[in-house]
Each structure stands twice: as C-alpha cells, then as structure tokens.
Amino acid sequence: MKTKIQFIKGIDEKIVPDVRLTRSRDGSTGTATFQFQNPTILSNEMSNEGEVTGMYLIDNEGILETKNVYVVYVNGKPRILQSVYIMENPEAWDRFMRFIENYASENGLSFFDPSNKL
C-alpha cells in the first residue's frame, strides 16, 4: 500500500508538505506540523468533492488522524493548509515516525536536524 495523506477520505493530496517535528525533552510527547503550499484539496476543481474533515495519514499499518487543520488565506484566497498532529506518548511518536519515514522515502523527502551544526 502506498503511504498517503488525505483531507477528504478517498482523495489523496498530491502536494508534498513541509513537516516540522518537535519533541519534549523527556521524549514523552511530540508534535508534527504540516504545511502544504497551494494544496490540491483547496483548488477550484476540488470544491465539489466535499468538506475537509481532518488530516488522515494512511499507510500499511492503518490511519493516523487529526482534526487540527487550518487554512491560511493570502490576498483573500486559500493558499496554505496547516495541520498539527499531536503524539501523546512514546508509542505514538514511534508509530508516527514509521509513517513519516515511509512517506518521505516514497516522496523523495529528507530530514534536516537544525540542532546539528555543520
């Protein structure tokens, strides 16, 4: 199964997001903030497909879901879709990391650690 992101169940988002991860010092919690520039789900062609009901991260293990989805308007038009996925324990962090590693591999993404000085 292909690893994918959906905002309306059954419709894959084609735009690959910028993803920023944060984790608590003790590793017990974390967040993943997704930012999609001009996502297909906000295009005029998608206006009849239904409402955005959340962000669904889908892989061969199942579905991770968040309702924390926000639209940023630029000059009165929807341009950026932001979503926050919260991991409330180390197991949720590990599960998310398995998803994002597969998604990154399939979409040519790489990891940049800002704390790692060159």
PDB file of N, CA and C in Angstrom:
ATOM      1  N   MET A   1       0.836  -1.185   0.000  1.00  0.00           N
ATOM      2  CA  MET A   1       0.000   0.000   0.000  1.00  0.00           C
ATOM      3  C   MET A   1       0.881   1.248   0.000  1.00  0.00           C
ATOM      4  N   LYS A   2       0.497   2.221  -0.808  1.00  0.00           N
ATOM      5  CA  LYS A   2       1.209   3.484  -0.859  1.00  0.00           C
ATOM      6  C   LYS A   2       0.891   4.298   0.390  1.00  0.00           C
ATOM      7  N   THR A   3       1.896   4.941   0.935  1.00  0.00           N
ATOM      8  CA  THR A   3       1.715   5.832   2.074  1.00  0.00           C
ATOM      9  C   THR A   3       1.170   7.153   1.534  1.00  0.00           C
ATOM     10  N   LYS A   4       0.103   7.668   2.158  1.00  0.00           N
ATOM     11  CA  LYS A   4      -0.540   8.857   1.600  1.00  0.00           C
ATOM     12  C   LYS A   4      -1.167   9.719   2.686  1.00  0.00           C
ATOM     13  N   ILE A   5      -1.489  10.945   2.270  1.00  0.00           N
ATOM     14  CA  ILE A   5      -2.175  11.899   3.134  1.00  0.00           C
ATOM     15  C   ILE A   5      -3.475  12.290   2.442  1.00  0.00           C
ATOM     16  N   GLN A   6      -4.552  12.319   3.214  1.00  0.00           N
ATOM     17  CA  GLN A   6      -5.850  12.730   2.692  1.00  0.00           C
ATOM     18  C   GLN A   6      -6.487  13.738   3.645  1.00  0.00           C
ATOM     19  N   PHE A   7      -7.286  14.650   3.062  1.00  0.00           N
ATOM     20  CA  PHE A   7      -8.081  15.585   3.863  1.00  0.00           C
ATOM     21  C   PHE A   7      -9.567  15.280   3.734  1.00  0.00           C
ATOM     22  N   ILE A   8      -9.931  14.667   2.624  1.00  0.00           N
ATOM     23  CA  ILE A   8     -11.258  14.110   2.407  1.00  0.00           C
ATOM     24  C   ILE A   8     -11.016  12.641   2.146  1.00  0.00           C
ATOM     25  N   LYS A   9     -11.657  11.785   2.907  1.00  0.00           N
ATOM     26  CA  LYS A   9     -11.397  10.349   2.762  1.00  0.00           C
ATOM     27  C   LYS A   9     -11.613   9.907   1.314  1.00  0.00           C
ATOM     28  N   GLY A  10     -10.610   9.204   0.807  1.00  0.00           N
ATOM     29  CA  GLY A  10     -10.665   8.684  -0.553  1.00  0.00           C
ATOM     30  C   GLY A  10      -9.975   9.550  -1.586  1.00  0.00           C
ATOM     31  N   ILE A  11      -9.556  10.774  -1.216  1.00  0.00           N
ATOM     32  CA  ILE A  11      -8.898  11.680  -2.166  1.00  0.00           C
ATOM     33  C   ILE A  11      -7.500  11.981  -1.658  1.00  0.00           C
ATOM     34  N   ASP A  12      -6.479  11.478  -2.354  1.00  0.00           N
ATOM     35  CA  ASP A  12      -5.086  11.674  -1.954  1.00  0.00           C
ATOM     36  C   ASP A  12      -4.633  13.099  -2.259  1.00  0.00           C
ATOM     37  N   GLU A  13      -3.913  13.695  -1.321  1.00  0.00           N
ATOM     38  CA  GLU A  13      -3.308  15.009  -1.533  1.00  0.00           C
ATOM     39  C   GLU A  13      -2.023  14.809  -2.325  1.00  0.00           C
ATOM     40  N   LYS A  14      -1.898  15.525  -3.438  1.00  0.00           N
ATOM     41  CA  LYS A  14      -0.740  15.360  -4.320  1.00  0.00           C
ATOM     42  C   LYS A  14       0.446  16.241  -3.925  1.00  0.00           C
ATOM     43  N   ILE A  15       0.178  17.341  -3.226  1.00  0.00           N
ATOM     44  CA  ILE A  15       1.255  18.244  -2.809  1.00  0.00           C
ATOM     45  C   ILE A  15       1.968  17.651  -1.597  1.00  0.00           C
ATOM     46  N   VAL A  16       3.288  17.617  -1.669  1.00  0.00           N
ATOM     47  CA  VAL A  16       4.102  17.103  -0.566  1.00  0.00           C
ATOM     48  C   VAL A  16       4.353  18.268   0.407  1.00  0.00           C
ATOM     49  N   PRO A  17       4.066  18.067   1.693  1.00  0.00           N
ATOM     50  CA  PRO A  17       4.182  19.159   2.664  1.00  0.00           C
ATOM     51  C   PRO A  17       5.593  19.342   3.214  1.00  0.00           C
ATOM     52  N   ASP A  18       5.777  20.488   3.837  1.00  0.00           N
ATOM     53  CA  ASP A  18       6.915  20.723   4.711  1.00  0.00           C
ATOM     54  C   ASP A  18       6.456  20.217   6.075  1.00  0.00           C
ATOM     55  N   VAL A  19       7.267  19.396   6.732  1.00  0.00           N
ATOM     56  CA  VAL A  19       6.885  18.826   8.024  1.00  0.00           C
ATOM     57  C   VAL A  19       7.935  19.215   9.055  1.00  0.00           C
ATOM     58  N   ARG A  20       7.484  19.755  10.177  1.00  0.00           N
ATOM     59  CA  ARG A  20       8.384  20.136  11.273  1.00  0.00           C
ATOM     60  C   ARG A  20       8.007  19.339  12.509  1.00  0.00           C
ATOM     61  N   LEU A  21       9.011  18.715  13.108  1.00  0.00           N
ATOM     62  CA  LEU A  21       8.797  17.883  14.286  1.00  0.00           C
ATOM     63  C   LEU A  21       9.359  18.552  15.523  1.00  0.00           C
ATOM     64  N   THR A  22       8.634  18.436  16.624  1.00  0.00           N
ATOM     65  CA  THR A  22       9.150  18.834  17.925  1.00  0.00           C
ATOM     66  C   THR A  22       8.867  17.697  18.891  1.00  0.00           C
ATOM     67  N   ARG A  23       9.737  17.574  19.880  1.00  0.00           N
ATOM     68  CA  ARG A  23       9.560  16.518  20.880  1.00  0.00           C
ATOM     69  C   ARG A  23       9.948  17.065  22.234  1.00  0.00           C
ATOM     70  N   SER A  24       9.222  16.659  23.262  1.00  0.00           N
ATOM     71  CA  SER A  24       9.533  17.118  24.618  1.00  0.00           C
ATOM     72  C   SER A  24      10.912  16.586  25.033  1.00  0.00           C
ATOM     73  N   ARG A  25      11.530  17.253  25.980  1.00  0.00           N
ATOM     74  CA  ARG A  25      12.870  16.852  26.420  1.00  0.00           C
ATOM     75  C   ARG A  25      12.926  15.417  26.921  1.00  0.00           C
ATOM     76  N   ASP A  26      11.858  14.977  27.581  1.00  0.00           N
ATOM     77  CA  ASP A  26      11.866  13.610  28.105  1.00  0.00           C
ATOM     78  C   ASP A  26      11.368  12.582  27.083  1.00  0.00           C
ATOM     79  N   GLY A  27      10.995  13.045  25.877  1.00  0.00           N
ATOM     80  CA  GLY A  27      10.584  12.133  24.820  1.00  0.00           C
ATOM     81  C   GLY A  27       9.184  11.578  24.973  1.00  0.00           C
ATOM     82  N   SER A  28       8.426  12.101  25.910  1.00  0.00           N
ATOM     83  CA  SER A  28       7.108  11.526  26.170  1.00  0.00           C
ATOM     84  C   SER A  28       6.020  12.042  25.237  1.00  0.00           C
ATOM     85  N   THR A  29       6.202  13.232  24.670  1.00  0.00           N
ATOM     86  CA  THR A  29       5.211  13.804  23.760  1.00  0.00           C
ATOM     87  C   THR A  29       5.906  14.460  22.581  1.00  0.00           C
ATOM     88  N   GLY A  30       5.122  14.775  21.549  1.00  0.00           N
ATOM     89  CA  GLY A  30       5.686  15.447  20.389  1.00  0.00           C
ATOM     90  C   GLY A  30       4.593  15.979  19.492  1.00  0.00           C
ATOM     91  N   THR A  31       4.990  16.827  18.553  1.00  0.00           N
ATOM     92  CA  THR A  31       4.064  17.340  17.557  1.00  0.00           C
ATOM     93  C   THR A  31       4.710  17.285  16.181  1.00  0.00           C
ATOM     94  N   ALA A  32       3.869  17.130  15.174  1.00  0.00           N
ATOM     95  CA  ALA A  32       4.292  17.233  13.786  1.00  0.00           C
ATOM     96  C   ALA A  32       3.416  18.301  13.151  1.00  0.00           C
ATOM     97  N   THR A  33       4.041  19.340  12.627  1.00  0.00           N
ATOM     98  CA  THR A  33       3.313  20.418  11.982  1.00  0.00           C
ATOM     99  C   THR A  33       3.529  20.305  10.476  1.00  0.00           C
ATOM    100  N   PHE A  34       2.434  20.144   9.759  1.00  0.00           N
ATOM    101  CA  PHE A  34       2.458  20.006   8.306  1.00  0.00           C
ATOM    102  C   PHE A  34       2.048  21.327   7.679  1.00  0.00           C
ATOM    103  N   GLN A  35       2.740  21.717   6.611  1.00  0.00           N
ATOM    104  CA  GLN A  35       2.354  22.912   5.860  1.00  0.00           C
ATOM    105  C   GLN A  35       2.371  22.575   4.375  1.00  0.00           C
ATOM    106  N   PHE A  36       1.213  22.727   3.747  1.00  0.00           N
ATOM    107  CA  PHE A  36       1.037  22.448   2.322  1.00  0.00           C
ATOM    108  C   PHE A  36       0.862  23.774   1.591  1.00  0.00           C
ATOM    109  N   GLN A  37       1.739  24.077   0.650  1.00  0.00           N
ATOM    110  CA  GLN A  37       1.628  25.282  -0.164  1.00  0.00           C
ATOM    111  C   GLN A  37       0.741  24.979  -1.376  1.00  0.00           C
ATOM    112  N   ASN A  38      -0.340  25.706  -1.539  1.00  0.00           N
ATOM    113  CA  ASN A  38      -1.278  25.517  -2.648  1.00  0.00           C
ATOM    114  C   ASN A  38      -1.689  24.054  -2.826  1.00  0.00           C
ATOM    115  N   PRO A  39      -2.232  23.438  -1.790  1.00  0.00           N
ATOM    116  CA  PRO A  39      -2.612  22.029  -1.894  1.00  0.00           C
ATOM    117  C   PRO A  39      -3.751  21.823  -2.894  1.00  0.00           C
ATOM    118  N   THR A  40      -3.775  20.646  -3.489  1.00  0.00           N
ATOM    119  CA  THR A  40      -4.810  20.354  -4.480  1.00  0.00           C
ATOM    120  C   THR A  40      -6.199  20.369  -3.859  1.00  0.00           C
ATOM    121  N   ILE A  41      -6.305  20.047  -2.587  1.00  0.00           N
ATOM    122  CA  ILE A  41      -7.612  19.993  -1.937  1.00  0.00           C
ATOM    123  C   ILE A  41      -8.276  21.374  -1.883  1.00  0.00           C
ATOM    124  N   LEU A  42      -7.490  22.462  -1.990  1.00  0.00           N
ATOM    125  CA  LEU A  42      -8.052  23.814  -1.965  1.00  0.00           C
ATOM    126  C   LEU A  42      -8.288  24.382  -3.361  1.00  0.00           C
ATOM    127  N   SER A  43      -8.015  23.605  -4.403  1.00  0.00           N
ATOM    128  CA  SER A  43      -8.197  24.092  -5.769  1.00  0.00           C
ATOM    129  C   SER A  43      -9.679  24.157  -6.127  1.00  0.00           C
ATOM    130  N   ASN A  44     -10.009  24.965  -7.115  1.00  0.00           N
ATOM    131  CA  ASN A  44     -11.398  25.111  -7.556  1.00  0.00           C
ATOM    132  C   ASN A  44     -11.984  23.784  -8.016  1.00  0.00           C
ATOM    133  N   GLU A  45     -11.171  22.942  -8.630  1.00  0.00           N
ATOM    134  CA  GLU A  45     -11.643  21.652  -9.134  1.00  0.00           C
ATOM    135  C   GLU A  45     -12.124  20.738  -8.010  1.00  0.00           C
ATOM    136  N   MET A  46     -11.629  20.946  -6.811  1.00  0.00           N
ATOM    137  CA  MET A  46     -11.965  20.078  -5.677  1.00  0.00           C
ATOM    138  C   MET A  46     -13.154  20.603  -4.866  1.00  0.00           C
ATOM    139  N   SER A  47     -13.684  21.762  -5.216  1.00  0.00           N
ATOM    140  CA  SER A  47     -14.726  22.381  -4.397  1.00  0.00           C
ATOM    141  C   SER A  47     -15.995  21.534  -4.291  1.00  0.00           C
ATOM    142  N   ASN A  48     -16.252  20.658  -5.229  1.00  0.00           N
ATOM    143  CA  ASN A  48     -17.452  19.828  -5.194  1.00  0.00           C
ATOM    144  C   ASN A  48     -17.223  18.452  -4.575  1.00  0.00           C
ATOM    145  N   GLU A  49     -16.007  18.188  -4.100  1.00  0.00           N
ATOM    146  CA  GLU A  49     -15.672  16.860  -3.577  1.00  0.00           C
ATOM    147  C   GLU A  49     -16.107  16.643  -2.132  1.00  0.00           C
ATOM    148  N   GLY A  50     -16.427  17.706  -1.433  1.00  0.00           N
ATOM    149  CA  GLY A  50     -16.832  17.578  -0.041  1.00  0.00           C
ATOM    150  C   GLY A  50     -16.017  18.489   0.852  1.00  0.00           C
ATOM    151  N   GLU A  51     -16.257  18.366   2.142  1.00  0.00           N
ATOM    152  CA  GLU A  51     -15.577  19.202   3.127  1.00  0.00           C
ATOM    153  C   GLU A  51     -14.351  18.508   3.686  1.00  0.00           C
ATOM    154  N   VAL A  52     -13.359  19.312   4.027  1.00  0.00           N
ATOM    155  CA  VAL A  52     -12.193  18.802   4.733  1.00  0.00           C
ATOM    156  C   VAL A  52     -12.650  18.437   6.141  1.00  0.00           C
ATOM    157  N   THR A  53     -12.433  17.196   6.524  1.00  0.00           N
ATOM    158  CA  THR A  53     -12.902  16.726   7.830  1.00  0.00           C
ATOM    159  C   THR A  53     -11.760  16.442   8.802  1.00  0.00           C
ATOM    160  N   GLY A  54     -10.529  16.581   8.333  1.00  0.00           N
ATOM    161  CA  GLY A  54      -9.353  16.307   9.149  1.00  0.00           C
ATOM    162  C   GLY A  54      -8.199  15.967   8.237  1.00  0.00           C
ATOM    163  N   MET A  55      -7.085  15.570   8.817  1.00  0.00           N
ATOM    164  CA  MET A  55      -5.951  15.071   8.041  1.00  0.00           C
ATOM    165  C   MET A  55      -5.772  13.609   8.403  1.00  0.00           C
ATOM    166  N   TYR A  56      -5.700  12.772   7.384  1.00  0.00           N
ATOM    167  CA  TYR A  56      -5.588  11.330   7.559  1.00  0.00           C
ATOM    168  C   TYR A  56      -4.258  10.876   6.969  1.00  0.00           C
ATOM    169  N   LEU A  57      -3.413  10.306   7.808  1.00  0.00           N
ATOM    170  CA  LEU A  57      -2.115   9.788   7.408  1.00  0.00           C
ATOM    171  C   LEU A  57      -2.289   8.277   7.272  1.00  0.00           C
ATOM    172  N   ILE A  58      -2.187   7.775   6.061  1.00  0.00           N
ATOM    173  CA  ILE A  58      -2.565   6.396   5.770  1.00  0.00           C
ATOM    174  C   ILE A  58      -1.354   5.607   5.291  1.00  0.00           C
ATOM    175  N   ASP A  59      -1.142   4.443   5.916  1.00  0.00           N
ATOM    176  CA  ASP A  59      -0.090   3.532   5.464  1.00  0.00           C
ATOM    177  C   ASP A  59      -0.546   2.095   5.699  1.00  0.00           C
ATOM    178  N   ASN A  60       0.377   1.163   5.548  1.00  0.00           N
ATOM    179  CA  ASN A  60       0.004  -0.253   5.670  1.00  0.00           C
ATOM    180  C   ASN A  60      -0.340  -0.664   7.104  1.00  0.00           C
ATOM    181  N   GLU A  61      -0.058   0.191   8.089  1.00  0.00           N
ATOM    182  CA  GLU A  61      -0.409  -0.114   9.480  1.00  0.00           C
ATOM    183  C   GLU A  61      -1.791   0.409   9.854  1.00  0.00           C
ATOM    184  N   GLY A  62      -2.336   1.324   9.056  1.00  0.00           N
ATOM    185  CA  GLY A  62      -3.636   1.890   9.381  1.00  0.00           C
ATOM    186  C   GLY A  62      -3.692   3.381   9.123  1.00  0.00           C
ATOM    187  N   ILE A  63      -4.463   4.091   9.941  1.00  0.00           N
ATOM    188  CA  ILE A  63      -4.699   5.526   9.756  1.00  0.00           C
ATOM    189  C   ILE A  63      -4.396   6.286  11.043  1.00  0.00           C
ATOM    190  N   LEU A  64      -3.588   7.341  10.907  1.00  0.00           N
ATOM    191  CA  LEU A  64      -3.386   8.315  11.977  1.00  0.00           C
ATOM    192  C   LEU A  64      -4.235   9.518  11.593  1.00  0.00           C
ATOM    193  N   GLU A  65      -4.891  10.129  12.556  1.00  0.00           N
ATOM    194  CA  GLU A  65      -5.866  11.168  12.236  1.00  0.00           C
ATOM    195  C   GLU A  65      -5.751  12.358  13.178  1.00  0.00           C
ATOM    196  N   THR A  66      -5.953  13.554  12.619  1.00  0.00           N
ATOM    197  CA  THR A  66      -6.053  14.764  13.421  1.00  0.00           C
ATOM    198  C   THR A  66      -7.137  15.650  12.839  1.00  0.00           C
ATOM    199  N   LYS A  67      -7.802  16.363  13.708  1.00  0.00           N
ATOM    200  CA  LYS A  67      -8.816  17.346  13.293  1.00  0.00           C
ATOM    201  C   LYS A  67      -8.236  18.759  13.283  1.00  0.00           C
ATOM    202  N   ASN A  68      -6.971  18.907  13.685  1.00  0.00           N
ATOM    203  CA  ASN A  68      -6.306  20.214  13.745  1.00  0.00           C
ATOM    204  C   ASN A  68      -5.828  20.617  12.357  1.00  0.00           C
ATOM    205  N   VAL A  69      -6.732  21.166  11.553  1.00  0.00           N
ATOM    206  CA  VAL A  69      -6.439  21.581  10.184  1.00  0.00           C
ATOM    207  C   VAL A  69      -6.880  23.033  10.028  1.00  0.00           C
ATOM    208  N   TYR A  70      -5.989  23.859   9.474  1.00  0.00           N
ATOM    209  CA  TYR A  70      -6.241  25.289   9.344  1.00  0.00           C
ATOM    210  C   TYR A  70      -5.883  25.757   7.943  1.00  0.00           C
ATOM    211  N   VAL A  71      -6.640  26.712   7.437  1.00  0.00           N
ATOM    212  CA  VAL A  71      -6.364  27.297   6.126  1.00  0.00           C
ATOM    213  C   VAL A  71      -5.823  28.701   6.343  1.00  0.00           C
ATOM    214  N   VAL A  72      -4.754  29.041   5.614  1.00  0.00           N
ATOM    215  CA  VAL A  72      -4.183  30.383   5.641  1.00  0.00           C
ATOM    216  C   VAL A  72      -4.549  31.057   4.324  1.00  0.00           C
ATOM    217  N   TYR A  73      -5.150  32.233   4.432  1.00  0.00           N
ATOM    218  CA  TYR A  73      -5.550  32.983   3.247  1.00  0.00           C
ATOM    219  C   TYR A  73      -4.501  34.033   2.923  1.00  0.00           C
ATOM    220  N   VAL A  74      -4.189  34.171   1.644  1.00  0.00           N
ATOM    221  CA  VAL A  74      -3.268  35.186   1.164  1.00  0.00           C
ATOM    222  C   VAL A  74      -4.028  36.007   0.120  1.00  0.00           C
ATOM    223  N   ASN A  75      -4.154  37.300   0.353  1.00  0.00           N
ATOM    224  CA  ASN A  75      -4.925  38.180  -0.529  1.00  0.00           C
ATOM    225  C   ASN A  75      -6.335  37.649  -0.762  1.00  0.00           C
ATOM    226  N   GLY A  76      -6.954  37.127   0.299  1.00  0.00           N
ATOM    227  CA  GLY A  76      -8.331  36.669   0.225  1.00  0.00           C
ATOM    228  C   GLY A  76      -8.542  35.305  -0.400  1.00  0.00           C
ATOM    229  N   LYS A  77      -7.470  34.611  -0.752  1.00  0.00           N
ATOM    230  CA  LYS A  77      -7.597  33.286  -1.362  1.00  0.00           C
ATOM    231  C   LYS A  77      -6.906  32.234  -0.501  1.00  0.00           C
ATOM    232  N   PRO A  78      -7.494  31.041  -0.386  1.00  0.00           N
ATOM    233  CA  PRO A  78      -6.844  29.983   0.403  1.00  0.00           C
ATOM    234  C   PRO A  78      -5.575  29.504  -0.308  1.00  0.00           C
ATOM    235  N   ARG A  79      -4.433  29.588   0.373  1.00  0.00           N
ATOM    236  CA  ARG A  79      -3.153  29.236  -0.251  1.00  0.00           C
ATOM    237  C   ARG A  79      -2.369  28.179   0.516  1.00  0.00           C
ATOM    238  N   ILE A  80      -2.518  28.170   1.836  1.00  0.00           N
ATOM    239  CA  ILE A  80      -1.702  27.281   2.663  1.00  0.00           C
ATOM    240  C   ILE A  80      -2.625  26.489   3.573  1.00  0.00           C
ATOM    241  N   LEU A  81      -2.368  25.202   3.668  1.00  0.00           N
ATOM    242  CA  LEU A  81      -3.099  24.353   4.583  1.00  0.00           C
ATOM    243  C   LEU A  81      -2.113  23.888   5.639  1.00  0.00           C
ATOM    244  N   GLN A  82      -2.431  24.139   6.903  1.00  0.00           N
ATOM    245  CA  GLN A  82      -1.584  23.723   8.007  1.00  0.00           C
ATOM    246  C   GLN A  82      -2.339  22.718   8.855  1.00  0.00           C
ATOM    247  N   SER A  83      -1.604  21.752   9.370  1.00  0.00           N
ATOM    248  CA  SER A  83      -2.206  20.755  10.233  1.00  0.00           C
ATOM    249  C   SER A  83      -1.199  20.354  11.298  1.00  0.00           C
ATOM    250  N   VAL A  84      -1.707  20.067  12.492  1.00  0.00           N
ATOM    251  CA  VAL A  84      -0.845  19.658  13.592  1.00  0.00           C
ATOM    252  C   VAL A  84      -1.302  18.285  14.076  1.00  0.00           C
ATOM    253  N   TYR A  85      -0.351  17.346  14.104  1.00  0.00           N
ATOM    254  CA  TYR A  85      -0.604  16.015  14.638  1.00  0.00           C
ATOM    255  C   TYR A  85       0.127  15.915  15.968  1.00  0.00           C
ATOM    256  N   ILE A  86      -0.597  15.576  17.039  1.00  0.00           N
ATOM    257  CA  ILE A  86      -0.017  15.521  18.384  1.00  0.00           C
ATOM    258  C   ILE A  86       0.208  14.070  18.792  1.00  0.00           C
ATOM    259  N   MET A  87       1.421  13.801  19.280  1.00  0.00           N
ATOM    260  CA  MET A  87       1.779  12.467  19.761  1.00  0.00           C
ATOM    261  C   MET A  87       1.866  12.540  21.281  1.00  0.00           C
ATOM    262  N   GLU A  88       1.005  11.822  21.961  1.00  0.00           N
ATOM    263  CA  GLU A  88       0.871  11.966  23.407  1.00  0.00           C
ATOM    264  C   GLU A  88       1.680  10.976  24.228  1.00  0.00           C
ATOM    265  N   ASN A  89       2.416  10.093  23.578  1.00  0.00           N
ATOM    266  CA  ASN A  89       3.239   9.126  24.306  1.00  0.00           C
ATOM    267  C   ASN A  89       4.331   8.600  23.366  1.00  0.00           C
ATOM    268  N   PRO A  90       5.349   7.923  23.904  1.00  0.00           N
ATOM    269  CA  PRO A  90       6.448   7.429  23.065  1.00  0.00           C
ATOM    270  C   PRO A  90       5.994   6.443  21.982  1.00  0.00           C
ATOM    271  N   GLU A  91       4.957   5.661  22.262  1.00  0.00           N
ATOM    272  CA  GLU A  91       4.464   4.707  21.263  1.00  0.00           C
ATOM    273  C   GLU A  91       3.859   5.450  20.071  1.00  0.00           C
ATOM    274  N   ALA A  92       3.122   6.532  20.343  1.00  0.00           N
ATOM    275  CA  ALA A  92       2.543   7.337  19.267  1.00  0.00           C
ATOM    276  C   ALA A  92       3.645   7.993  18.440  1.00  0.00           C
ATOM    277  N   TRP A  93       4.728   8.439  19.093  1.00  0.00           N
ATOM    278  CA  TRP A  93       5.877   9.013  18.382  1.00  0.00           C
ATOM    279  C   TRP A  93       6.486   7.966  17.452  1.00  0.00           C
ATOM    280  N   ASP A  94       6.710   6.770  17.961  1.00  0.00           N
ATOM    281  CA  ASP A  94       7.304   5.700  17.149  1.00  0.00           C
ATOM    282  C   ASP A  94       6.419   5.360  15.961  1.00  0.00           C
ATOM    283  N   ARG A  95       5.117   5.287  16.191  1.00  0.00           N
ATOM    284  CA  ARG A  95       4.177   4.973  15.107  1.00  0.00           C
ATOM    285  C   ARG A  95       4.202   6.058  14.044  1.00  0.00           C
ATOM    286  N   PHE A  96       4.197   7.336  14.475  1.00  0.00           N
ATOM    287  CA  PHE A  96       4.258   8.439  13.519  1.00  0.00           C
ATOM    288  C   PHE A  96       5.564   8.392  12.727  1.00  0.00           C
ATOM    289  N   MET A  97       6.670   8.111  13.405  1.00  0.00           N
ATOM    290  CA  MET A  97       7.959   8.071  12.718  1.00  0.00           C
ATOM    291  C   MET A  97       7.981   6.982  11.648  1.00  0.00           C
ATOM    292  N   ARG A  98       7.345   5.852  11.898  1.00  0.00           N
ATOM    293  CA  ARG A  98       7.266   4.819  10.862  1.00  0.00           C
ATOM    294  C   ARG A  98       6.489   5.344   9.654  1.00  0.00           C
ATOM    295  N   PHE A  99       5.383   6.043   9.916  1.00  0.00           N
ATOM    296  CA  PHE A  99       4.620   6.625   8.813  1.00  0.00           C
ATOM    297  C   PHE A  99       5.471   7.616   8.034  1.00  0.00           C
ATOM    298  N   ILE A 100       6.072   8.584   8.728  1.00  0.00           N
ATOM    299  CA  ILE A 100       6.764   9.677   8.044  1.00  0.00           C
ATOM    300  C   ILE A 100       8.012   9.177   7.319  1.00  0.00           C
ATOM    301  N   GLU A 101       8.682   8.177   7.843  1.00  0.00           N
ATOM    302  CA  GLU A 101       9.840   7.612   7.142  1.00  0.00           C
ATOM    303  C   GLU A 101       9.411   6.970   5.829  1.00  0.00           C
ATOM    304  N   ASN A 102       8.307   6.243   5.832  1.00  0.00           N
ATOM    305  CA  ASN A 102       7.797   5.647   4.592  1.00  0.00           C
ATOM    306  C   ASN A 102       7.333   6.728   3.621  1.00  0.00           C
ATOM    307  N   TYR A 103       6.604   7.727   4.132  1.00  0.00           N
ATOM    308  CA  TYR A 103       6.122   8.820   3.287  1.00  0.00           C
ATOM    309  C   TYR A 103       7.306   9.572   2.671  1.00  0.00           C
ATOM    310  N   ALA A 104       8.312   9.856   3.475  1.00  0.00           N
ATOM    311  CA  ALA A 104       9.499  10.565   2.996  1.00  0.00           C
ATOM    312  C   ALA A 104      10.210   9.763   1.917  1.00  0.00           C
ATOM    313  N   SER A 105      10.367   8.484   2.135  1.00  0.00           N
ATOM    314  CA  SER A 105      11.049   7.623   1.168  1.00  0.00           C
ATOM    315  C   SER A 105      10.300   7.600  -0.165  1.00  0.00           C
ATOM    316  N   GLU A 106       8.983   7.491  -0.115  1.00  0.00           N
ATOM    317  CA  GLU A 106       8.171   7.421  -1.326  1.00  0.00           C
ATOM    318  C   GLU A 106       8.083   8.754  -2.063  1.00  0.00           C
ATOM    319  N   ASN A 107       8.342   9.872  -1.358  1.00  0.00           N
ATOM    320  CA  ASN A 107       8.189  11.197  -1.958  1.00  0.00           C
ATOM    321  C   ASN A 107       9.493  11.977  -2.076  1.00  0.00           C
ATOM    322  N   GLY A 108      10.621  11.330  -1.841  1.00  0.00           N
ATOM    323  CA  GLY A 108      11.916  11.974  -2.018  1.00  0.00           C
ATOM    324  C   GLY A 108      12.218  13.060  -1.007  1.00  0.00           C
ATOM    325  N   LEU A 109      11.706  12.936   0.209  1.00  0.00           N
ATOM    326  CA  LEU A 109      11.979  13.927   1.250  1.00  0.00           C
ATOM    327  C   LEU A 109      13.227  13.536   2.032  1.00  0.00           C
ATOM    328  N   SER A 110      13.829  14.518   2.694  1.00  0.00           N
ATOM    329  CA  SER A 110      14.975  14.237   3.543  1.00  0.00           C
ATOM    330  C   SER A 110      14.784  14.930   4.883  1.00  0.00           C
ATOM    331  N   PHE A 111      15.571  14.513   5.867  1.00  0.00           N
ATOM    332  CA  PHE A 111      15.469  15.039   7.220  1.00  0.00           C
ATOM    333  C   PHE A 111      16.602  16.020   7.454  1.00  0.00           C
ATOM    334  N   PHE A 112      16.272  17.165   8.047  1.00  0.00           N
ATOM    335  CA  PHE A 112      17.255  18.169   8.419  1.00  0.00           C
ATOM    336  C   PHE A 112      17.115  18.438   9.912  1.00  0.00           C
ATOM    337  N   ASP A 113      18.178  18.230  10.658  1.00  0.00           N
ATOM    338  CA  ASP A 113      18.175  18.460  12.093  1.00  0.00           C
ATOM    339  C   ASP A 113      18.828  19.817  12.364  1.00  0.00           C
ATOM    340  N   PRO A 114      18.046  20.845  12.732  1.00  0.00           N
ATOM    341  CA  PRO A 114      18.615  22.174  12.936  1.00  0.00           C
ATOM    342  C   PRO A 114      19.577  22.246  14.114  1.00  0.00           C
ATOM    343  N   SER A 115      19.537  21.271  15.034  1.00  0.00           N
ATOM    344  CA  SER A 115      20.451  21.291  16.173  1.00  0.00           C
ATOM    345  C   SER A 115      21.817  20.723  15.806  1.00  0.00           C
ATOM    346  N   ASN A 116      21.913  20.106  14.647  1.00  0.00           N
ATOM    347  CA  ASN A 116      23.162  19.514  14.193  1.00  0.00           C
ATOM    348  C   ASN A 116      23.960  20.572  13.433  1.00  0.00           C
ATOM    349  N   LYS A 117      24.945  21.146  14.090  1.00  0.00           N
ATOM    350  CA  LYS A 117      25.749  22.217  13.493  1.00  0.00           C
ATOM    351  C   LYS A 117      26.773  21.623  12.526  1.00  0.00           C
ATOM    352  N   LEU A 118      26.933  22.289  11.384  1.00  0.00           N
ATOM    353  CA  LEU A 118      27.920  21.848  10.383  1.00  0.00           C
ATOM    354  C   LEU A 118      29.297  22.338  10.710  1.00  0.00           C
TER     355      LEU A 118
END
